[in-house]
Amino acid sequence: MSYKFSAIVEKEGKWYVALCPELDVASQGETVEEALENLKEAVKLYMETASPEEIQSGLSTPPLVTTLEVSV
């Protein structure tokens, strides 16, 4: 079975940190590609041990990604 999740990647120092917000799973790598591959592996491992309810909860609440403007 195949699932589709979101991935957010940010640079932190010399590392790229990748987060799957639906499952609250994160990983890192020295490149964006490595961070995403490591995140895929971390999500697979999570799904092997998570209950069906935990997985379904992540699938039913997709993140809202938007922009905001702040005046200082």
PDB file of N, CA and C in Angstrom:
ATOM      1  N   MET A   1       0.846  -1.170   0.000  1.00  0.00           N
ATOM      2  CA  MET A   1       0.000   0.000   0.000  1.00  0.00           C
ATOM      3  C   MET A   1       0.896   1.239   0.000  1.00  0.00           C
ATOM      4  N   SER A   2       0.449   2.269  -0.682  1.00  0.00           N
ATOM      5  CA  SER A   2       1.231   3.505  -0.800  1.00  0.00           C
ATOM      6  C   SER A   2       0.469   4.657  -0.162  1.00  0.00           C
ATOM      7  N   TYR A   3       1.179   5.494   0.553  1.00  0.00           N
ATOM      8  CA  TYR A   3       0.602   6.671   1.209  1.00  0.00           C
ATOM      9  C   TYR A   3       1.332   7.912   0.727  1.00  0.00           C
ATOM     10  N   LYS A   4       0.642   9.045   0.740  1.00  0.00           N
ATOM     11  CA  LYS A   4       1.262  10.309   0.361  1.00  0.00           C
ATOM     12  C   LYS A   4       1.198  11.248   1.558  1.00  0.00           C
ATOM     13  N   PHE A   5       2.368  11.749   1.977  1.00  0.00           N
ATOM     14  CA  PHE A   5       2.475  12.661   3.100  1.00  0.00           C
ATOM     15  C   PHE A   5       3.203  13.929   2.668  1.00  0.00           C
ATOM     16  N   SER A   6       3.125  14.942   3.485  1.00  0.00           N
ATOM     17  CA  SER A   6       3.845  16.194   3.246  1.00  0.00           C
ATOM     18  C   SER A   6       5.254  16.087   3.817  1.00  0.00           C
ATOM     19  N   ALA A   7       6.151  16.877   3.245  1.00  0.00           N
ATOM     20  CA  ALA A   7       7.512  16.957   3.775  1.00  0.00           C
ATOM     21  C   ALA A   7       7.926  18.426   3.778  1.00  0.00           C
ATOM     22  N   ILE A   8       8.436  18.873   4.898  1.00  0.00           N
ATOM     23  CA  ILE A   8       8.959  20.229   5.044  1.00  0.00           C
ATOM     24  C   ILE A   8      10.456  20.093   5.284  1.00  0.00           C
ATOM     25  N   VAL A   9      11.248  20.809   4.501  1.00  0.00           N
ATOM     26  CA  VAL A   9      12.708  20.725   4.635  1.00  0.00           C
ATOM     27  C   VAL A   9      13.247  22.106   4.962  1.00  0.00           C
ATOM     28  N   GLU A  10      14.052  22.171   6.011  1.00  0.00           N
ATOM     29  CA  GLU A  10      14.688  23.427   6.415  1.00  0.00           C
ATOM     30  C   GLU A  10      16.177  23.171   6.610  1.00  0.00           C
ATOM     31  N   LYS A  11      16.958  24.191   6.345  1.00  0.00           N
ATOM     32  CA  LYS A  11      18.408  24.083   6.572  1.00  0.00           C
ATOM     33  C   LYS A  11      18.693  24.564   7.992  1.00  0.00           C
ATOM     34  N   GLU A  12      19.399  23.740   8.736  1.00  0.00           N
ATOM     35  CA  GLU A  12      19.816  24.081  10.099  1.00  0.00           C
ATOM     36  C   GLU A  12      21.320  23.853  10.192  1.00  0.00           C
ATOM     37  N   GLY A  13      22.065  24.936  10.125  1.00  0.00           N
ATOM     38  CA  GLY A  13      23.522  24.811  10.111  1.00  0.00           C
ATOM     39  C   GLY A  13      23.959  24.142   8.828  1.00  0.00           C
ATOM     40  N   LYS A  14      24.753  23.082   8.942  1.00  0.00           N
ATOM     41  CA  LYS A  14      25.201  22.382   7.737  1.00  0.00           C
ATOM     42  C   LYS A  14      24.259  21.245   7.343  1.00  0.00           C
ATOM     43  N   TRP A  15      23.207  21.011   8.113  1.00  0.00           N
ATOM     44  CA  TRP A  15      22.275  19.910   7.876  1.00  0.00           C
ATOM     45  C   TRP A  15      20.955  20.410   7.307  1.00  0.00           C
ATOM     46  N   TYR A  16      20.279  19.531   6.590  1.00  0.00           N
ATOM     47  CA  TYR A  16      18.904  19.762   6.173  1.00  0.00           C
ATOM     48  C   TYR A  16      18.027  18.864   7.036  1.00  0.00           C
ATOM     49  N   VAL A  17      17.005  19.447   7.620  1.00  0.00           N
ATOM     50  CA  VAL A  17      16.085  18.707   8.474  1.00  0.00           C
ATOM     51  C   VAL A  17      14.766  18.566   7.733  1.00  0.00           C
ATOM     52  N   ALA A  18      14.284  17.341   7.619  1.00  0.00           N
ATOM     53  CA  ALA A  18      13.028  17.059   6.929  1.00  0.00           C
ATOM     54  C   ALA A  18      11.995  16.584   7.941  1.00  0.00           C
ATOM     55  N   LEU A  19      10.785  17.130   7.850  1.00  0.00           N
ATOM     56  CA  LEU A  19       9.705  16.816   8.783  1.00  0.00           C
ATOM     57  C   LEU A  19       8.476  16.375   8.015  1.00  0.00           C
ATOM     58  N   CYS A  20       7.850  15.307   8.471  1.00  0.00           N
ATOM     59  CA  CYS A  20       6.531  14.890   8.000  1.00  0.00           C
ATOM     60  C   CYS A  20       5.544  15.357   9.064  1.00  0.00           C
ATOM     61  N   PRO A  21       4.838  16.484   8.836  1.00  0.00           N
ATOM     62  CA  PRO A  21       3.997  17.052   9.893  1.00  0.00           C
ATOM     63  C   PRO A  21       2.786  16.192  10.254  1.00  0.00           C
ATOM     64  N   GLU A  22       2.276  15.415   9.317  1.00  0.00           N
ATOM     65  CA  GLU A  22       1.107  14.581   9.623  1.00  0.00           C
ATOM     66  C   GLU A  22       1.406  13.534  10.684  1.00  0.00           C
ATOM     67  N   LEU A  23       2.637  13.013  10.678  1.00  0.00           N
ATOM     68  CA  LEU A  23       3.011  11.952  11.619  1.00  0.00           C
ATOM     69  C   LEU A  23       3.967  12.433  12.695  1.00  0.00           C
ATOM     70  N   ASP A  24       4.426  13.668  12.592  1.00  0.00           N
ATOM     71  CA  ASP A  24       5.407  14.234  13.518  1.00  0.00           C
ATOM     72  C   ASP A  24       6.676  13.390  13.548  1.00  0.00           C
ATOM     73  N   VAL A  25       7.157  13.052  12.343  1.00  0.00           N
ATOM     74  CA  VAL A  25       8.378  12.269  12.172  1.00  0.00           C
ATOM     75  C   VAL A  25       9.397  13.152  11.456  1.00  0.00           C
ATOM     76  N   ALA A  26      10.642  13.137  11.911  1.00  0.00           N
ATOM     77  CA  ALA A  26      11.666  13.985  11.310  1.00  0.00           C
ATOM     78  C   ALA A  26      12.934  13.178  11.080  1.00  0.00           C
ATOM     79  N   SER A  27      13.760  13.687  10.175  1.00  0.00           N
ATOM     80  CA  SER A  27      15.071  13.122   9.914  1.00  0.00           C
ATOM     81  C   SER A  27      15.957  14.227   9.373  1.00  0.00           C
ATOM     82  N   GLN A  28      17.195  13.896   9.045  1.00  0.00           N
ATOM     83  CA  GLN A  28      18.106  14.917   8.539  1.00  0.00           C
ATOM     84  C   GLN A  28      19.077  14.309   7.547  1.00  0.00           C
ATOM     85  N   GLY A  29      19.782  15.181   6.839  1.00  0.00           N
ATOM     86  CA  GLY A  29      20.800  14.744   5.898  1.00  0.00           C
ATOM     87  C   GLY A  29      21.673  15.918   5.512  1.00  0.00           C
ATOM     88  N   GLU A  30      22.779  15.626   4.859  1.00  0.00           N
ATOM     89  CA  GLU A  30      23.690  16.690   4.433  1.00  0.00           C
ATOM     90  C   GLU A  30      23.203  17.405   3.182  1.00  0.00           C
ATOM     91  N   THR A  31      22.258  16.801   2.447  1.00  0.00           N
ATOM     92  CA  THR A  31      21.643  17.432   1.278  1.00  0.00           C
ATOM     93  C   THR A  31      20.124  17.305   1.414  1.00  0.00           C
ATOM     94  N   VAL A  32      19.397  18.077   0.617  1.00  0.00           N
ATOM     95  CA  VAL A  32      17.934  17.974   0.617  1.00  0.00           C
ATOM     96  C   VAL A  32      17.528  16.549   0.255  1.00  0.00           C
ATOM     97  N   GLU A  33      18.151  16.005  -0.783  1.00  0.00           N
ATOM     98  CA  GLU A  33      17.807  14.671  -1.244  1.00  0.00           C
ATOM     99  C   GLU A  33      18.050  13.616  -0.163  1.00  0.00           C
ATOM    100  N   GLU A  34      19.185  13.736   0.526  1.00  0.00           N
ATOM    101  CA  GLU A  34      19.497  12.785   1.591  1.00  0.00           C
ATOM    102  C   GLU A  34      18.509  12.918   2.749  1.00  0.00           C
ATOM    103  N   ALA A  35      18.156  14.157   3.089  1.00  0.00           N
ATOM    104  CA  ALA A  35      17.192  14.377   4.168  1.00  0.00           C
ATOM    105  C   ALA A  35      15.845  13.757   3.819  1.00  0.00           C
ATOM    106  N   LEU A  36      15.407  13.905   2.561  1.00  0.00           N
ATOM    107  CA  LEU A  36      14.126  13.335   2.146  1.00  0.00           C
ATOM    108  C   LEU A  36      14.177  11.807   2.117  1.00  0.00           C
ATOM    109  N   GLU A  37      15.267  11.239   1.651  1.00  0.00           N
ATOM    110  CA  GLU A  37      15.403   9.774   1.655  1.00  0.00           C
ATOM    111  C   GLU A  37      15.400   9.245   3.082  1.00  0.00           C
ATOM    112  N   ASN A  38      16.096   9.938   3.971  1.00  0.00           N
ATOM    113  CA  ASN A  38      16.122   9.522   5.377  1.00  0.00           C
ATOM    114  C   ASN A  38      14.742   9.664   6.007  1.00  0.00           C
ATOM    115  N   LEU A  39      14.005  10.695   5.609  1.00  0.00           N
ATOM    116  CA  LEU A  39      12.646  10.870   6.124  1.00  0.00           C
ATOM    117  C   LEU A  39      11.745   9.738   5.644  1.00  0.00           C
ATOM    118  N   LYS A  40      11.866   9.345   4.388  1.00  0.00           N
ATOM    119  CA  LYS A  40      11.078   8.213   3.886  1.00  0.00           C
ATOM    120  C   LYS A  40      11.324   6.968   4.727  1.00  0.00           C
ATOM    121  N   GLU A  41      12.572   6.707   5.022  1.00  0.00           N
ATOM    122  CA  GLU A  41      12.917   5.547   5.832  1.00  0.00           C
ATOM    123  C   GLU A  41      12.344   5.675   7.247  1.00  0.00           C
ATOM    124  N   ALA A  42      12.431   6.862   7.827  1.00  0.00           N
ATOM    125  CA  ALA A  42      11.892   7.084   9.173  1.00  0.00           C
ATOM    126  C   ALA A  42      10.379   6.910   9.190  1.00  0.00           C
ATOM    127  N   VAL A  43       9.691   7.380   8.152  1.00  0.00           N
ATOM    128  CA  VAL A  43       8.233   7.217   8.068  1.00  0.00           C
ATOM    129  C   VAL A  43       7.879   5.742   7.930  1.00  0.00           C
ATOM    130  N   LYS A  44       8.621   5.002   7.103  1.00  0.00           N
ATOM    131  CA  LYS A  44       8.376   3.560   6.967  1.00  0.00           C
ATOM    132  C   LYS A  44       8.521   2.855   8.313  1.00  0.00           C
ATOM    133  N   LEU A  45       9.582   3.171   9.037  1.00  0.00           N
ATOM    134  CA  LEU A  45       9.799   2.558  10.348  1.00  0.00           C
ATOM    135  C   LEU A  45       8.683   2.919  11.320  1.00  0.00           C
ATOM    136  N   TYR A  46       8.254   4.175  11.285  1.00  0.00           N
ATOM    137  CA  TYR A  46       7.150   4.607  12.149  1.00  0.00           C
ATOM    138  C   TYR A  46       5.894   3.809  11.838  1.00  0.00           C
ATOM    139  N   MET A  47       5.594   3.668  10.546  1.00  0.00           N
ATOM    140  CA  MET A  47       4.357   2.995  10.149  1.00  0.00           C
ATOM    141  C   MET A  47       4.378   1.509  10.471  1.00  0.00           C
ATOM    142  N   GLU A  48       5.560   0.914  10.560  1.00  0.00           N
ATOM    143  CA  GLU A  48       5.664  -0.492  10.941  1.00  0.00           C
ATOM    144  C   GLU A  48       5.274  -0.720  12.395  1.00  0.00           C
ATOM    145  N   THR A  49       5.431   0.314  13.235  1.00  0.00           N
ATOM    146  CA  THR A  49       5.153   0.153  14.664  1.00  0.00           C
ATOM    147  C   THR A  49       3.917   0.900  15.133  1.00  0.00           C
ATOM    148  N   ALA A  50       3.399   1.818  14.322  1.00  0.00           N
ATOM    149  CA  ALA A  50       2.235   2.616  14.721  1.00  0.00           C
ATOM    150  C   ALA A  50       0.958   1.797  14.589  1.00  0.00           C
ATOM    151  N   SER A  51      -0.014   2.164  15.384  1.00  0.00           N
ATOM    152  CA  SER A  51      -1.320   1.510  15.278  1.00  0.00           C
ATOM    153  C   SER A  51      -2.052   2.042  14.045  1.00  0.00           C
ATOM    154  N   PRO A  52      -3.003   1.290  13.525  1.00  0.00           N
ATOM    155  CA  PRO A  52      -3.791   1.786  12.388  1.00  0.00           C
ATOM    156  C   PRO A  52      -4.486   3.108  12.701  1.00  0.00           C
ATOM    157  N   GLU A  53      -4.877   3.302  13.945  1.00  0.00           N
ATOM    158  CA  GLU A  53      -5.541   4.550  14.343  1.00  0.00           C
ATOM    159  C   GLU A  53      -4.577   5.731  14.241  1.00  0.00           C
ATOM    160  N   GLU A  54      -3.325   5.529  14.653  1.00  0.00           N
ATOM    161  CA  GLU A  54      -2.331   6.606  14.569  1.00  0.00           C
ATOM    162  C   GLU A  54      -2.056   6.984  13.114  1.00  0.00           C
ATOM    163  N   ILE A  55      -1.956   5.993  12.260  1.00  0.00           N
ATOM    164  CA  ILE A  55      -1.719   6.265  10.842  1.00  0.00           C
ATOM    165  C   ILE A  55      -2.920   6.974  10.237  1.00  0.00           C
ATOM    166  N   GLN A  56      -4.109   6.494  10.530  1.00  0.00           N
ATOM    167  CA  GLN A  56      -5.320   7.111   9.985  1.00  0.00           C
ATOM    168  C   GLN A  56      -5.474   8.546  10.467  1.00  0.00           C
ATOM    169  N   SER A  57      -5.097   8.809  11.708  1.00  0.00           N
ATOM    170  CA  SER A  57      -5.169  10.169  12.243  1.00  0.00           C
ATOM    171  C   SER A  57      -4.280  11.102  11.439  1.00  0.00           C
ATOM    172  N   GLY A  58      -3.081  10.662  11.097  1.00  0.00           N
ATOM    173  CA  GLY A  58      -2.176  11.465  10.284  1.00  0.00           C
ATOM    174  C   GLY A  58      -2.713  11.700   8.891  1.00  0.00           C
ATOM    175  N   LEU A  59      -3.386  10.702   8.332  1.00  0.00           N
ATOM    176  CA  LEU A  59      -3.938  10.828   6.979  1.00  0.00           C
ATOM    177  C   LEU A  59      -5.158  11.741   6.947  1.00  0.00           C
ATOM    178  N   SER A  60      -5.888  11.814   8.053  1.00  0.00           N
ATOM    179  CA  SER A  60      -7.127  12.587   8.049  1.00  0.00           C
ATOM    180  C   SER A  60      -6.937  14.058   8.389  1.00  0.00           C
ATOM    181  N   THR A  61      -5.720  14.446   8.771  1.00  0.00           N
ATOM    182  CA  THR A  61      -5.481  15.845   9.133  1.00  0.00           C
ATOM    183  C   THR A  61      -4.307  16.413   8.356  1.00  0.00           C
ATOM    184  N   PRO A  62      -4.498  16.675   7.061  1.00  0.00           N
ATOM    185  CA  PRO A  62      -3.384  17.245   6.288  1.00  0.00           C
ATOM    186  C   PRO A  62      -3.043  18.636   6.797  1.00  0.00           C
ATOM    187  N   PRO A  63      -1.775  19.013   6.726  1.00  0.00           N
ATOM    188  CA  PRO A  63      -1.374  20.328   7.233  1.00  0.00           C
ATOM    189  C   PRO A  63      -1.866  21.439   6.319  1.00  0.00           C
ATOM    190  N   LEU A  64      -2.096  22.581   6.895  1.00  0.00           N
ATOM    191  CA  LEU A  64      -2.422  23.779   6.142  1.00  0.00           C
ATOM    192  C   LEU A  64      -1.143  24.586   6.021  1.00  0.00           C
ATOM    193  N   VAL A  65      -0.690  24.773   4.804  1.00  0.00           N
ATOM    194  CA  VAL A  65       0.516  25.568   4.563  1.00  0.00           C
ATOM    195  C   VAL A  65       0.082  26.826   3.851  1.00  0.00           C
ATOM    196  N   THR A  66       0.432  27.969   4.438  1.00  0.00           N
ATOM    197  CA  THR A  66       0.043  29.255   3.878  1.00  0.00           C
ATOM    198  C   THR A  66       1.131  30.271   4.174  1.00  0.00           C
ATOM    199  N   THR A  67       0.911  31.499   3.826  1.00  0.00           N
ATOM    200  CA  THR A  67       1.845  32.567   4.147  1.00  0.00           C
ATOM    201  C   THR A  67       1.156  33.567   5.063  1.00  0.00           C
ATOM    202  N   LEU A  68       1.946  34.361   5.732  1.00  0.00           N
ATOM    203  CA  LEU A  68       1.413  35.441   6.534  1.00  0.00           C
ATOM    204  C   LEU A  68       2.332  36.635   6.449  1.00  0.00           C
ATOM    205  N   GLU A  69       1.774  37.796   6.685  1.00  0.00           N
ATOM    206  CA  GLU A  69       2.548  39.041   6.626  1.00  0.00           C
ATOM    207  C   GLU A  69       2.591  39.643   8.015  1.00  0.00           C
ATOM    208  N   VAL A  70       3.774  40.044   8.446  1.00  0.00           N
ATOM    209  CA  VAL A  70       3.961  40.614   9.772  1.00  0.00           C
ATOM    210  C   VAL A  70       4.670  41.958   9.609  1.00  0.00           C
ATOM    211  N   SER A  71       4.110  42.992  10.195  1.00  0.00           N
ATOM    212  CA  SER A  71       4.766  44.299  10.199  1.00  0.00           C
ATOM    213  C   SER A  71       5.442  44.508  11.537  1.00  0.00           C
ATOM    214  N   VAL A  72       6.674  44.987  11.490  1.00  0.00           N
ATOM    215  CA  VAL A  72       7.440  45.205  12.736  1.00  0.00           C
ATOM    216  C   VAL A  72       7.833  46.658  12.809  1.00  0.00           C
TER     217      VAL A  72
END
